[in-house]
Each structure stands twice: as C-alpha cells, then as structure tokens.
C-alpha atoms as a PDB file:
ATOM      1  CA  MET A   1       0.000   0.000   0.000  1.00  0.00           C
ATOM      2  CA  THR A   2       1.428   3.390  -0.953  1.00  0.00           C
ATOM      3  CA  ASP A   3       1.714   6.157   1.604  1.00  0.00           C
ATOM      4  CA  ASP A   4      -1.119   8.125  -0.048  1.00  0.00           C
ATOM      5  CA  SER A   5      -3.509   5.177  -0.192  1.00  0.00           C
ATOM      6  CA  GLN A   6      -2.694   4.246   3.418  1.00  0.00           C
ATOM      7  CA  VAL A   7      -3.436   7.798   4.572  1.00  0.00           C
ATOM      8  CA  ASP A   8      -6.627   7.967   2.465  1.00  0.00           C
ATOM      9  CA  GLY A   9      -7.849   4.670   3.921  1.00  0.00           C
ATOM     10  CA  ASN A  10      -7.093   5.766   7.465  1.00  0.00           C
ATOM     11  CA  LEU A  11      -8.847   9.125   6.964  1.00  0.00           C
ATOM     12  CA  LYS A  12     -11.916   7.283   5.649  1.00  0.00           C
ATOM     13  CA  GLY A  13     -11.716   5.061   8.727  1.00  0.00           C
ATOM     14  CA  MET A  14     -11.729   8.169  10.928  1.00  0.00           C
ATOM     15  CA  ASP A  15     -14.879   9.391   9.136  1.00  0.00           C
ATOM     16  CA  VAL A  16     -16.640   6.085   9.826  1.00  0.00           C
ATOM     17  CA  LEU A  17     -15.383   6.034  13.421  1.00  0.00           C
ATOM     18  CA  ASP A  18     -16.675   9.531  14.213  1.00  0.00           C
ATOM     19  CA  PHE A  19     -19.795   9.825  12.054  1.00  0.00           C
ATOM     20  CA  GLU A  20     -21.095   6.294  12.652  1.00  0.00           C
ATOM     21  CA  GLY A  21     -19.367   4.878  15.736  1.00  0.00           C
ATOM     22  CA  TRP A  22     -19.140   7.977  17.948  1.00  0.00           C
ATOM     23  CA  ASN A  23     -22.296   9.788  16.841  1.00  0.00           C
ATOM     24  CA  ASN A  24     -24.406   6.645  17.301  1.00  0.00           C
ATOM     25  CA  ALA A  25     -22.622   5.480  20.472  1.00  0.00           C
ATOM     26  CA  ASP A  26     -21.911   2.178  18.706  1.00  0.00           C
ATOM     27  CA  TRP A  27     -19.192   1.344  21.214  1.00  0.00           C
ATOM     28  CA  HIS A  28     -18.814  -2.395  20.679  1.00  0.00           C
ATOM     29  CA  GLY A  29     -19.399  -2.376  16.916  1.00  0.00           C
ATOM     30  CA  VAL A  30     -18.008   0.401  14.709  1.00  0.00           C
ATOM     31  CA  PHE A  31     -16.139   2.176  17.509  1.00  0.00           C
ATOM     32  CA  ALA A  32     -14.299  -0.945  18.706  1.00  0.00           C
ATOM     33  CA  HIS A  33     -13.634  -2.111  15.138  1.00  0.00           C
ATOM     34  CA  HIS A  34     -11.632   1.053  14.391  1.00  0.00           C
ATOM     35  CA  HIS A  35      -9.328   0.662  17.418  1.00  0.00           C
ATOM     36  CA  THR A  36      -6.789  -2.034  18.225  1.00  0.00           C
ATOM     37  CA  GLU A  37      -7.320  -4.215  21.296  1.00  0.00           C
ATOM     38  CA  ASP A  38      -4.288  -2.575  22.956  1.00  0.00           C
ATOM     39  CA  VAL A  39      -5.081   1.020  21.922  1.00  0.00           C
ATOM     40  CA  LEU A  40      -3.530   3.854  23.951  1.00  0.00           C
ATOM     41  CA  VAL A  41      -5.762   6.939  24.142  1.00  0.00           C
ATOM     42  CA  ASP A  42      -4.716  10.268  25.639  1.00  0.00           C
ATOM     43  CA  PHE A  43      -7.818  12.475  25.809  1.00  0.00           C
ATOM     44  CA  LYS A  44      -6.548  15.748  27.245  1.00  0.00           C
ATOM     45  CA  GLY A  45      -8.092  16.402  30.634  1.00  0.00           C
ATOM     46  CA  MET A  46      -8.662  12.684  31.336  1.00  0.00           C
ATOM     47  CA  ASP A  47      -6.360   9.906  32.464  1.00  0.00           C
ATOM     48  CA  PRO A  48      -4.912   8.008  29.467  1.00  0.00           C
ATOM     49  CA  THR A  49      -6.576   4.674  28.769  1.00  0.00           C
ATOM     50  CA  ARG A  50      -4.960   1.431  27.625  1.00  0.00           C
ATOM     51  CA  GLY A  51      -6.999  -1.153  25.767  1.00  0.00           C
ATOM     52  CA  ILE A  52     -10.265  -0.830  23.886  1.00  0.00           C
ATOM     53  CA  GLN A  53     -12.544  -1.694  26.813  1.00  0.00           C
ATOM     54  CA  GLU A  54     -10.921   0.928  29.054  1.00  0.00           C
ATOM     55  CA  HIS A  55     -11.317   3.483  26.223  1.00  0.00           C
ATOM     56  CA  ILE A  56     -14.977   2.532  25.730  1.00  0.00           C
ATOM     57  CA  ASP A  57     -15.629   2.771  29.487  1.00  0.00           C
ATOM     58  CA  ALA A  58     -14.060   6.258  29.591  1.00  0.00           C
ATOM     59  CA  MET A  59     -16.060   7.463  26.575  1.00  0.00           C
ATOM     60  CA  GLU A  60     -19.315   6.065  27.982  1.00  0.00           C
ATOM     61  CA  ALA A  61     -18.625   7.921  31.257  1.00  0.00           C
ATOM     62  CA  PHE A  62     -17.762  11.093  29.328  1.00  0.00           C
ATOM     63  CA  VAL A  63     -20.997  10.883  27.306  1.00  0.00           C
ATOM     64  CA  GLU A  64     -23.049  10.135  30.427  1.00  0.00           C
ATOM     65  CA  SER A  65     -21.605  13.227  32.145  1.00  0.00           C
ATOM     66  CA  ALA A  66     -22.517  15.279  29.049  1.00  0.00           C
ATOM     67  CA  GLY A  67     -26.186  14.285  29.213  1.00  0.00           C
ATOM     68  CA  GLY A  68     -26.218  10.760  27.847  1.00  0.00           C
ATOM     69  CA  THR A  69     -25.944  11.505  24.126  1.00  0.00           C
ATOM     70  CA  PRO A  70     -22.598  11.948  22.375  1.00  0.00           C
ATOM     71  CA  PRO A  71     -21.990  15.486  21.139  1.00  0.00           C
ATOM     72  CA  GLN A  72     -22.527  15.094  17.392  1.00  0.00           C
ATOM     73  CA  ILE A  73     -19.544  15.451  15.076  1.00  0.00           C
ATOM     74  CA  THR A  74     -20.803  17.032  11.854  1.00  0.00           C
ATOM     75  CA  SER A  75     -17.653  17.383   9.754  1.00  0.00           C
ATOM     76  CA  HIS A  76     -13.938  16.812   9.345  1.00  0.00           C
ATOM     77  CA  PRO A  77     -13.016  19.991   7.438  1.00  0.00           C
ATOM     78  CA  ILE A  78      -9.287  19.279   7.778  1.00  0.00           C
ATOM     79  CA  GLY A  79      -7.645  15.886   7.574  1.00  0.00           C
ATOM     80  CA  PHE A  80      -4.146  14.918   6.548  1.00  0.00           C
ATOM     81  CA  GLY A  81      -1.488  12.397   7.327  1.00  0.00           C
ATOM     82  CA  SER A  82       1.765  10.706   6.567  1.00  0.00           C
ATOM     83  CA  GLY A  83       2.339   6.975   6.621  1.00  0.00           C
ATOM     84  CA  GLU A  84       0.679   5.497   9.697  1.00  0.00           C
ATOM     85  CA  TRP A  85      -0.254   8.904  11.188  1.00  0.00           C
ATOM     86  CA  THR A  86      -3.350  11.045  10.605  1.00  0.00           C
ATOM     87  CA  CYS A  87      -4.573  14.349  11.993  1.00  0.00           C
ATOM     88  CA  VAL A  88      -8.239  15.346  11.801  1.00  0.00           C
ATOM     89  CA  ILE A  89     -10.134  18.426  12.953  1.00  0.00           C
ATOM     90  CA  GLY A  90     -13.636  17.446  14.029  1.00  0.00           C
ATOM     91  CA  GLU A  91     -16.419  20.015  14.223  1.00  0.00           C
ATOM     92  CA  PHE A  92     -19.370  19.513  16.533  1.00  0.00           C
ATOM     93  CA  GLU A  93     -22.899  20.692  15.824  1.00  0.00           C
ATOM     94  CA  ASN A  94     -22.523  23.384  18.527  1.00  0.00           C
ATOM     95  CA  GLY A  95     -19.461  24.858  16.752  1.00  0.00           C
ATOM     96  CA  ASP A  96     -16.833  23.400  19.093  1.00  0.00           C
ATOM     97  CA  ARG A  97     -13.828  21.662  17.573  1.00  0.00           C
ATOM     98  CA  MET A  98     -11.437  18.894  18.499  1.00  0.00           C
ATOM     99  CA  VAL A  99      -8.135  17.701  17.088  1.00  0.00           C
ATOM    100  CA  THR A 100      -7.364  14.005  16.870  1.00  0.00           C
ATOM    101  CA  VAL A 101      -3.905  12.698  16.030  1.00  0.00           C
ATOM    102  CA  ALA A 102      -3.897   8.952  15.458  1.00  0.00           C
ATOM    103  CA  LYS A 103      -1.291   6.297  14.772  1.00  0.00           C
ATOM    104  CA  TRP A 104      -2.784   3.435  12.760  1.00  0.00           C
ATOM    105  CA  ARG A 105      -1.850  -0.234  12.660  1.00  0.00           C
ATOM    106  CA  ASP A 106      -3.460  -2.630  10.183  1.00  0.00           C
ATOM    107  CA  GLY A 107      -6.404  -0.281   9.548  1.00  0.00           C
ATOM    108  CA  ALA A 108      -7.194   0.462  13.213  1.00  0.00           C
ATOM    109  CA  ILE A 109      -6.073   3.144  15.644  1.00  0.00           C
ATOM    110  CA  ALA A 110      -3.254   1.954  17.925  1.00  0.00           C
ATOM    111  CA  GLU A 111      -2.561   5.358  19.546  1.00  0.00           C
ATOM    112  CA  GLU A 112      -4.913   8.326  19.734  1.00  0.00           C
ATOM    113  CA  TYR A 113      -4.281  11.832  21.063  1.00  0.00           C
ATOM    114  CA  ILE A 114      -7.376  14.055  21.378  1.00  0.00           C
ATOM    115  CA  TRP A 115      -7.638  17.741  22.269  1.00  0.00           C
ATOM    116  CA  ALA A 116     -11.149  19.106  22.694  1.00  0.00           C
END
C-alpha cells in the first residue's frame, strides 16, 4: 500500500469512526472495530486509557456526564497524514472543535491523542 492510499484509507476510517461509531454510540461495533485491542488513548483532561474496553468505558462515562448523548460530530473539514499517522479536525454541531492525532496499525487506531 502506498503512503497516499494508506493515509486515504485511514482518513476514511476516521470518518466512519466519528460519524457512525461515535455519533451513534456504537461502542462495541463500529467504535471498537476502528481501534486495536491494545489502543492507547490520551484524551486531554482525562487519564490516558490502555486497551479498547478501558477506552470505551471512559467514553461512555464522558458521554453520560454530558447528558447521555454523544456530542454530534458534523464534519472533518481538515484531515491529513503521513504513513501510519493522521490528523483530523472534528467540528461539533454546537461549533466546538477537536483535534485528533492517530497512529494506525493494520487499519485500526493503535494510539490516539485528542484535544477538545
């Protein structure tokens, strides 16, 4: 796989992860599918998680504290990458933004760094 096709595939994976997995709180389906079992996630302001179940537990708690429904991500106006790394700006329906930097392994996120 060329660098460009790897990046394109990973950016499409990020679209599916956010627009289908996150927005629909599909934690054990789409969301889990786009992360490795041993994923490391550093969501600024929270303790880093290790492993998909720990990440899911943290995101479920985050969503519950925000009213029980995930804040909806409406677009990724900026997305780029190089090799196994991608960076995406996510825009929420309320106008807030987040930045996600992800390291991919075999089509799934192995490391994720999120600033919201």
